Amino acid sequence: MSKSLTQYNLTLNAITPNMLPFRQLYLKIIADNRRMMCAVDYLVVHLFLKLSKIFSSGN
């Protein structure tokens, strides 16, 4: 679990300057963690998507 959370944090840091590469990074996370996906991972990604929409619409 800690590995996937670390990947989410690195992705968040990577997309903060601009939101363009978000979709590719999101798909990469899903592909890398396909075997490890669980309810917690889904909730983290769902929250991450909502936050990215808030930040991108604010600009």
Protein backbone atom coordinates (compact mmCIF):
# COMPACT_ATOMS: atom_id res chain seq x y z
CA MET A 1 0.00 0.00 0.00
CA SER A 2 2.78 2.44 0.86
CA LYS A 3 4.30 1.99 -2.60
CA SER A 4 1.10 3.04 -4.37
CA LEU A 5 0.58 6.00 -2.02
CA THR A 6 4.14 7.11 -2.77
CA GLN A 7 3.35 6.96 -6.48
CA TYR A 8 0.24 9.10 -5.95
CA ASN A 9 2.29 11.68 -4.05
CA LEU A 10 4.95 11.80 -6.76
CA THR A 11 2.24 12.19 -9.39
CA LEU A 12 0.60 15.02 -7.44
CA ASN A 13 3.94 16.83 -7.24
CA ALA A 14 4.49 16.29 -10.96
CA ILE A 15 1.14 17.72 -12.09
CA THR A 16 0.90 20.67 -9.71
CA PRO A 17 2.64 23.13 -12.13
CA ASN A 18 0.29 22.25 -14.98
CA MET A 19 -2.52 19.76 -15.40
CA LEU A 20 -1.80 18.66 -18.98
CA PRO A 21 -0.03 15.34 -18.27
CA PHE A 22 -2.53 14.31 -15.59
CA ARG A 23 -4.50 11.81 -17.64
CA GLN A 24 -1.42 9.89 -18.81
CA LEU A 25 0.01 9.74 -15.29
CA TYR A 26 -3.35 8.60 -13.90
CA LEU A 27 -3.56 5.82 -16.48
CA LYS A 28 0.03 4.82 -15.68
CA ILE A 29 -0.78 4.52 -11.97
CA ILE A 30 -3.77 2.30 -12.77
CA ALA A 31 -1.66 0.12 -15.08
CA ASP A 32 1.17 -0.21 -12.54
CA ASN A 33 -1.16 -1.08 -9.67
CA ARG A 34 -3.78 -3.14 -11.50
CA ARG A 35 -3.08 -6.21 -9.36
CA MET A 36 -3.00 -4.17 -6.15
CA MET A 37 -6.13 -2.08 -6.70
CA CYS A 38 -8.48 -2.04 -3.72
CA ALA A 39 -11.15 0.21 -2.20
CA VAL A 40 -8.59 2.53 -0.56
CA ASP A 41 -6.69 3.00 -3.82
CA TYR A 42 -9.96 3.80 -5.60
CA LEU A 43 -10.93 6.40 -2.99
CA VAL A 44 -7.49 8.04 -3.17
CA VAL A 45 -7.68 8.28 -6.96
CA HIS A 46 -11.26 9.57 -6.82
CA LEU A 47 -10.29 12.32 -4.37
CA PHE A 48 -7.23 13.06 -6.51
CA LEU A 49 -9.43 13.53 -9.59
CA LYS A 50 -11.72 15.93 -7.71
CA LEU A 51 -8.77 17.99 -6.45
CA SER A 52 -7.26 18.19 -9.92
CA LYS A 53 -10.55 19.49 -11.33
CA ILE A 54 -10.72 22.13 -8.61
CA PHE A 55 -7.14 23.29 -9.26
CA SER A 56 -7.47 23.25 -13.05
CA SER A 57 -10.75 25.20 -13.01
CA GLY A 58 -9.27 27.75 -10.61
CA ASN A 59 -6.57 28.76 -13.08
